[in-house]
Amino acid sequence: MHCKVKDRECEGGTAERYDEGCRCPAACRAHKREYCRRWNREHAEERRERNRRWMEWARHGRWEA
């Protein structure tokens, strides 16, 4: 059975993204931490860009991005 734990630190980190071949609980946590670190590293640039755009929208009072 796959681990369904979610990790706030991992953006887009739903269990389906990081749990292939990973079993609960400890192995999953370790695997997830590593996956999330890698995922965050790979997507840092795009996340910064998205945050910047979101701040623009927020500043102009347009919340429905």
PDB file of N, CA and C in Angstrom:
ATOM      1  N   MET A   1       0.830  -1.197   0.000  1.00  0.00           N
ATOM      2  CA  MET A   1       0.000   0.000   0.000  1.00  0.00           C
ATOM      3  C   MET A   1       0.872   1.258   0.000  1.00  0.00           C
ATOM      4  N   HIS A   2       0.475   2.196  -0.808  1.00  0.00           N
ATOM      5  CA  HIS A   2       1.281   3.415  -0.930  1.00  0.00           C
ATOM      6  C   HIS A   2       1.031   4.386   0.203  1.00  0.00           C
ATOM      7  N   CYS A   3       2.037   5.164   0.485  1.00  0.00           N
ATOM      8  CA  CYS A   3       1.961   6.164   1.537  1.00  0.00           C
ATOM      9  C   CYS A   3       1.206   7.381   1.037  1.00  0.00           C
ATOM     10  N   LYS A   4       0.262   7.857   1.825  1.00  0.00           N
ATOM     11  CA  LYS A   4      -0.505   9.018   1.406  1.00  0.00           C
ATOM     12  C   LYS A   4      -0.160  10.275   2.187  1.00  0.00           C
ATOM     13  N   VAL A   5       0.993  10.256   2.869  1.00  0.00           N
ATOM     14  CA  VAL A   5       1.381  11.412   3.656  1.00  0.00           C
ATOM     15  C   VAL A   5       1.688  12.578   2.737  1.00  0.00           C
ATOM     16  N   LYS A   6       1.242  13.749   3.099  1.00  0.00           N
ATOM     17  CA  LYS A   6       1.583  14.931   2.307  1.00  0.00           C
ATOM     18  C   LYS A   6       2.640  15.731   3.045  1.00  0.00           C
ATOM     19  N   ASP A   7       3.417  16.478   2.312  1.00  0.00           N
ATOM     20  CA  ASP A   7       4.504  17.228   2.904  1.00  0.00           C
ATOM     21  C   ASP A   7       4.389  18.690   2.489  1.00  0.00           C
ATOM     22  N   ARG A   8       4.150  19.558   3.466  1.00  0.00           N
ATOM     23  CA  ARG A   8       3.980  20.981   3.170  1.00  0.00           C
ATOM     24  C   ARG A   8       5.199  21.588   2.496  1.00  0.00           C
ATOM     25  N   GLU A   9       6.388  21.100   2.863  1.00  0.00           N
ATOM     26  CA  GLU A   9       7.603  21.704   2.323  1.00  0.00           C
ATOM     27  C   GLU A   9       7.755  21.423   0.843  1.00  0.00           C
ATOM     28  N   CYS A  10       7.077  20.374   0.388  1.00  0.00           N
ATOM     29  CA  CYS A  10       7.245  19.978  -1.001  1.00  0.00           C
ATOM     30  C   CYS A  10       6.091  20.527  -1.808  1.00  0.00           C
ATOM     31  N   GLU A  11       6.352  21.540  -2.603  1.00  0.00           N
ATOM     32  CA  GLU A  11       5.274  22.107  -3.386  1.00  0.00           C
ATOM     33  C   GLU A  11       4.797  21.109  -4.416  1.00  0.00           C
ATOM     34  N   GLY A  12       3.521  20.981  -4.563  1.00  0.00           N
ATOM     35  CA  GLY A  12       2.997  20.012  -5.496  1.00  0.00           C
ATOM     36  C   GLY A  12       3.249  18.598  -5.008  1.00  0.00           C
ATOM     37  N   GLY A  13       3.531  18.453  -3.709  1.00  0.00           N
ATOM     38  CA  GLY A  13       3.959  17.163  -3.192  1.00  0.00           C
ATOM     39  C   GLY A  13       2.819  16.252  -2.799  1.00  0.00           C
ATOM     40  N   THR A  14       1.917  15.957  -3.708  1.00  0.00           N
ATOM     41  CA  THR A  14       0.907  14.967  -3.358  1.00  0.00           C
ATOM     42  C   THR A  14       1.573  13.607  -3.378  1.00  0.00           C
ATOM     43  N   ALA A  15       1.043  12.672  -2.605  1.00  0.00           N
ATOM     44  CA  ALA A  15       1.683  11.375  -2.423  1.00  0.00           C
ATOM     45  C   ALA A  15       2.003  10.713  -3.755  1.00  0.00           C
ATOM     46  N   GLU A  16       1.098  10.820  -4.717  1.00  0.00           N
ATOM     47  CA  GLU A  16       1.312  10.173  -6.006  1.00  0.00           C
ATOM     48  C   GLU A  16       2.608  10.626  -6.676  1.00  0.00           C
ATOM     49  N   ARG A  17       3.025  11.852  -6.395  1.00  0.00           N
ATOM     50  CA  ARG A  17       4.232  12.353  -7.025  1.00  0.00           C
ATOM     51  C   ARG A  17       5.490  11.679  -6.497  1.00  0.00           C
ATOM     52  N   TYR A  18       5.521  11.394  -5.183  1.00  0.00           N
ATOM     53  CA  TYR A  18       6.799  10.965  -4.619  1.00  0.00           C
ATOM     54  C   TYR A  18       6.853   9.578  -4.029  1.00  0.00           C
ATOM     55  N   ASP A  19       5.780   8.790  -4.131  1.00  0.00           N
ATOM     56  CA  ASP A  19       5.835   7.562  -3.352  1.00  0.00           C
ATOM     57  C   ASP A  19       6.031   6.282  -4.147  1.00  0.00           C
ATOM     58  N   GLU A  20       6.411   6.366  -5.415  1.00  0.00           N
ATOM     59  CA  GLU A  20       6.580   5.120  -6.171  1.00  0.00           C
ATOM     60  C   GLU A  20       7.610   4.219  -5.495  1.00  0.00           C
ATOM     61  N   GLY A  21       7.225   3.028  -5.237  1.00  0.00           N
ATOM     62  CA  GLY A  21       8.142   2.051  -4.659  1.00  0.00           C
ATOM     63  C   GLY A  21       8.507   2.352  -3.226  1.00  0.00           C
ATOM     64  N   CYS A  22       7.740   3.213  -2.580  1.00  0.00           N
ATOM     65  CA  CYS A  22       8.098   3.647  -1.244  1.00  0.00           C
ATOM     66  C   CYS A  22       7.069   3.140  -0.241  1.00  0.00           C
ATOM     67  N   ARG A  23       7.516   2.546   0.840  1.00  0.00           N
ATOM     68  CA  ARG A  23       6.592   1.977   1.812  1.00  0.00           C
ATOM     69  C   ARG A  23       6.573   2.766   3.122  1.00  0.00           C
ATOM     70  N   CYS A  24       5.419   2.833   3.749  1.00  0.00           N
ATOM     71  CA  CYS A  24       5.264   3.529   5.039  1.00  0.00           C
ATOM     72  C   CYS A  24       5.912   2.725   6.173  1.00  0.00           C
ATOM     73  N   PRO A  25       6.257   3.416   7.247  1.00  0.00           N
ATOM     74  CA  PRO A  25       6.290   4.869   7.343  1.00  0.00           C
ATOM     75  C   PRO A  25       7.675   5.455   7.146  1.00  0.00           C
ATOM     76  N   ALA A  26       8.713   4.871   7.759  1.00  0.00           N
ATOM     77  CA  ALA A  26      10.027   5.531   7.775  1.00  0.00           C
ATOM     78  C   ALA A  26      10.638   5.640   6.385  1.00  0.00           C
ATOM     79  N   ALA A  27      10.572   4.566   5.616  1.00  0.00           N
ATOM     80  CA  ALA A  27      11.147   4.586   4.276  1.00  0.00           C
ATOM     81  C   ALA A  27      10.482   5.675   3.454  1.00  0.00           C
ATOM     82  N   CYS A  28       9.177   5.789   3.631  1.00  0.00           N
ATOM     83  CA  CYS A  28       8.448   6.792   2.874  1.00  0.00           C
ATOM     84  C   CYS A  28       8.909   8.188   3.253  1.00  0.00           C
ATOM     85  N   ARG A  29       9.048   8.437   4.544  1.00  0.00           N
ATOM     86  CA  ARG A  29       9.470   9.772   4.970  1.00  0.00           C
ATOM     87  C   ARG A  29      10.833  10.134   4.413  1.00  0.00           C
ATOM     88  N   ALA A  30      11.756   9.186   4.468  1.00  0.00           N
ATOM     89  CA  ALA A  30      13.105   9.455   3.970  1.00  0.00           C
ATOM     90  C   ALA A  30      13.064   9.705   2.466  1.00  0.00           C
ATOM     91  N   HIS A  31      12.356   8.837   1.762  1.00  0.00           N
ATOM     92  CA  HIS A  31      12.244   8.951   0.313  1.00  0.00           C
ATOM     93  C   HIS A  31      11.603  10.278  -0.054  1.00  0.00           C
ATOM     94  N   LYS A  32      10.556  10.629   0.663  1.00  0.00           N
ATOM     95  CA  LYS A  32       9.812  11.847   0.399  1.00  0.00           C
ATOM     96  C   LYS A  32      10.689  13.075   0.615  1.00  0.00           C
ATOM     97  N   ARG A  33      11.449  13.059   1.724  1.00  0.00           N
ATOM     98  CA  ARG A  33      12.338  14.195   1.997  1.00  0.00           C
ATOM     99  C   ARG A  33      13.290  14.410   0.834  1.00  0.00           C
ATOM    100  N   GLU A  34      13.899  13.320   0.369  1.00  0.00           N
ATOM    101  CA  GLU A  34      14.848  13.410  -0.729  1.00  0.00           C
ATOM    102  C   GLU A  34      14.143  13.882  -1.999  1.00  0.00           C
ATOM    103  N   TYR A  35      12.989  13.295  -2.278  1.00  0.00           N
ATOM    104  CA  TYR A  35      12.233  13.677  -3.460  1.00  0.00           C
ATOM    105  C   TYR A  35      11.888  15.157  -3.409  1.00  0.00           C
ATOM    106  N   CYS A  36      11.420  15.609  -2.246  1.00  0.00           N
ATOM    107  CA  CYS A  36      11.002  17.001  -2.108  1.00  0.00           C
ATOM    108  C   CYS A  36      12.174  17.946  -2.267  1.00  0.00           C
ATOM    109  N   ARG A  37      13.306  17.571  -1.694  1.00  0.00           N
ATOM    110  CA  ARG A  37      14.482  18.413  -1.856  1.00  0.00           C
ATOM    111  C   ARG A  37      14.818  18.564  -3.331  1.00  0.00           C
ATOM    112  N   ARG A  38      14.853  17.432  -4.042  1.00  0.00           N
ATOM    113  CA  ARG A  38      15.181  17.463  -5.456  1.00  0.00           C
ATOM    114  C   ARG A  38      14.140  18.254  -6.237  1.00  0.00           C
ATOM    115  N   TRP A  39      12.874  17.983  -5.954  1.00  0.00           N
ATOM    116  CA  TRP A  39      11.775  18.646  -6.658  1.00  0.00           C
ATOM    117  C   TRP A  39      11.853  20.152  -6.455  1.00  0.00           C
ATOM    118  N   ASN A  40      12.075  20.576  -5.213  1.00  0.00           N
ATOM    119  CA  ASN A  40      12.150  22.003  -4.921  1.00  0.00           C
ATOM    120  C   ASN A  40      13.332  22.649  -5.612  1.00  0.00           C
ATOM    121  N   ARG A  41      14.463  21.941  -5.656  1.00  0.00           N
ATOM    122  CA  ARG A  41      15.640  22.465  -6.335  1.00  0.00           C
ATOM    123  C   ARG A  41      15.313  22.664  -7.815  1.00  0.00           C
ATOM    124  N   GLU A  42      14.728  21.650  -8.433  1.00  0.00           N
ATOM    125  CA  GLU A  42      14.445  21.708  -9.869  1.00  0.00           C
ATOM    126  C   GLU A  42      13.401  22.759 -10.216  1.00  0.00           C
ATOM    127  N   HIS A  43      12.483  23.048  -9.290  1.00  0.00           N
ATOM    128  CA  HIS A  43      11.395  23.960  -9.620  1.00  0.00           C
ATOM    129  C   HIS A  43      11.501  25.324  -8.951  1.00  0.00           C
ATOM    130  N   ALA A  44      12.643  25.576  -8.299  1.00  0.00           N
ATOM    131  CA  ALA A  44      12.792  26.818  -7.542  1.00  0.00           C
ATOM    132  C   ALA A  44      12.566  28.042  -8.434  1.00  0.00           C
ATOM    133  N   GLU A  45      13.177  28.033  -9.620  1.00  0.00           N
ATOM    134  CA  GLU A  45      13.107  29.180 -10.520  1.00  0.00           C
ATOM    135  C   GLU A  45      11.668  29.473 -10.926  1.00  0.00           C
ATOM    136  N   GLU A  46      11.005  28.415 -11.383  1.00  0.00           N
ATOM    137  CA  GLU A  46       9.619  28.556 -11.834  1.00  0.00           C
ATOM    138  C   GLU A  46       8.696  28.967 -10.677  1.00  0.00           C
ATOM    139  N   ARG A  47       9.010  28.497  -9.462  1.00  0.00           N
ATOM    140  CA  ARG A  47       8.205  28.867  -8.300  1.00  0.00           C
ATOM    141  C   ARG A  47       8.393  30.347  -7.969  1.00  0.00           C
ATOM    142  N   ARG A  48       9.639  30.821  -8.059  1.00  0.00           N
ATOM    143  CA  ARG A  48       9.892  32.247  -7.814  1.00  0.00           C
ATOM    144  C   ARG A  48       9.115  33.097  -8.802  1.00  0.00           C
ATOM    145  N   GLU A  49       9.131  32.687 -10.055  1.00  0.00           N
ATOM    146  CA  GLU A  49       8.413  33.424 -11.096  1.00  0.00           C
ATOM    147  C   GLU A  49       6.915  33.447 -10.808  1.00  0.00           C
ATOM    148  N   ARG A  50       6.370  32.288 -10.427  1.00  0.00           N
ATOM    149  CA  ARG A  50       4.939  32.210 -10.137  1.00  0.00           C
ATOM    150  C   ARG A  50       4.597  33.094  -8.930  1.00  0.00           C
ATOM    151  N   ASN A  51       5.436  33.075  -7.894  1.00  0.00           N
ATOM    152  CA  ASN A  51       5.193  33.906  -6.720  1.00  0.00           C
ATOM    153  C   ASN A  51       5.211  35.382  -7.086  1.00  0.00           C
ATOM    154  N   ARG A  52       6.151  35.749  -7.951  1.00  0.00           N
ATOM    155  CA  ARG A  52       6.257  37.145  -8.365  1.00  0.00           C
ATOM    156  C   ARG A  52       4.972  37.577  -9.079  1.00  0.00           C
ATOM    157  N   ARG A  53       4.495  36.737 -10.000  1.00  0.00           N
ATOM    158  CA  ARG A  53       3.263  37.061 -10.713  1.00  0.00           C
ATOM    159  C   ARG A  53       2.087  37.143  -9.756  1.00  0.00           C
ATOM    160  N   TRP A  54       2.053  36.240  -8.791  1.00  0.00           N
ATOM    161  CA  TRP A  54       0.956  36.231  -7.831  1.00  0.00           C
ATOM    162  C   TRP A  54       0.959  37.524  -7.022  1.00  0.00           C
ATOM    163  N   MET A  55       2.150  37.986  -6.644  1.00  0.00           N
ATOM    164  CA  MET A  55       2.255  39.229  -5.890  1.00  0.00           C
ATOM    165  C   MET A  55       1.749  40.394  -6.734  1.00  0.00           C
ATOM    166  N   GLU A  56       2.042  40.365  -8.030  1.00  0.00           N
ATOM    167  CA  GLU A  56       1.531  41.402  -8.930  1.00  0.00           C
ATOM    168  C   GLU A  56       0.011  41.414  -8.897  1.00  0.00           C
ATOM    169  N   TRP A  57      -0.572  40.247  -9.083  1.00  0.00           N
ATOM    170  CA  TRP A  57      -2.040  40.138  -9.073  1.00  0.00           C
ATOM    171  C   TRP A  57      -2.604  40.640  -7.750  1.00  0.00           C
ATOM    172  N   ALA A  58      -1.977  40.208  -6.646  1.00  0.00           N
ATOM    173  CA  ALA A  58      -2.456  40.588  -5.316  1.00  0.00           C
ATOM    174  C   ALA A  58      -2.405  42.108  -5.156  1.00  0.00           C
ATOM    175  N   ARG A  59      -1.331  42.700  -5.635  1.00  0.00           N
ATOM    176  CA  ARG A  59      -1.166  44.146  -5.496  1.00  0.00           C
ATOM    177  C   ARG A  59      -2.269  44.884  -6.247  1.00  0.00           C
ATOM    178  N   HIS A  60      -2.693  44.311  -7.369  1.00  0.00           N
ATOM    179  CA  HIS A  60      -3.735  44.971  -8.158  1.00  0.00           C
ATOM    180  C   HIS A  60      -5.130  44.525  -7.754  1.00  0.00           C
ATOM    181  N   GLY A  61      -5.197  43.729  -6.703  1.00  0.00           N
ATOM    182  CA  GLY A  61      -6.493  43.330  -6.183  1.00  0.00           C
ATOM    183  C   GLY A  61      -7.206  42.306  -7.050  1.00  0.00           C
ATOM    184  N   ARG A  62      -6.465  41.630  -7.931  1.00  0.00           N
ATOM    185  CA  ARG A  62      -7.100  40.597  -8.752  1.00  0.00           C
ATOM    186  C   ARG A  62      -6.732  39.237  -8.179  1.00  0.00           C
ATOM    187  N   TRP A  63      -7.621  38.652  -7.417  1.00  0.00           N
ATOM    188  CA  TRP A  63      -7.306  37.397  -6.732  1.00  0.00           C
ATOM    189  C   TRP A  63      -7.587  36.191  -7.604  1.00  0.00           C
ATOM    190  N   GLU A  64      -8.459  36.328  -8.591  1.00  0.00           N
ATOM    191  CA  GLU A  64      -8.797  35.180  -9.431  1.00  0.00           C
ATOM    192  C   GLU A  64      -7.752  35.048 -10.524  1.00  0.00           C
ATOM    193  N   ALA A  65      -6.606  34.464 -10.188  1.00  0.00           N
ATOM    194  CA  ALA A  65      -5.503  34.345 -11.141  1.00  0.00           C
ATOM    195  C   ALA A  65      -5.900  33.340 -12.211  1.00  0.00           C
TER     196      ALA A  65
END
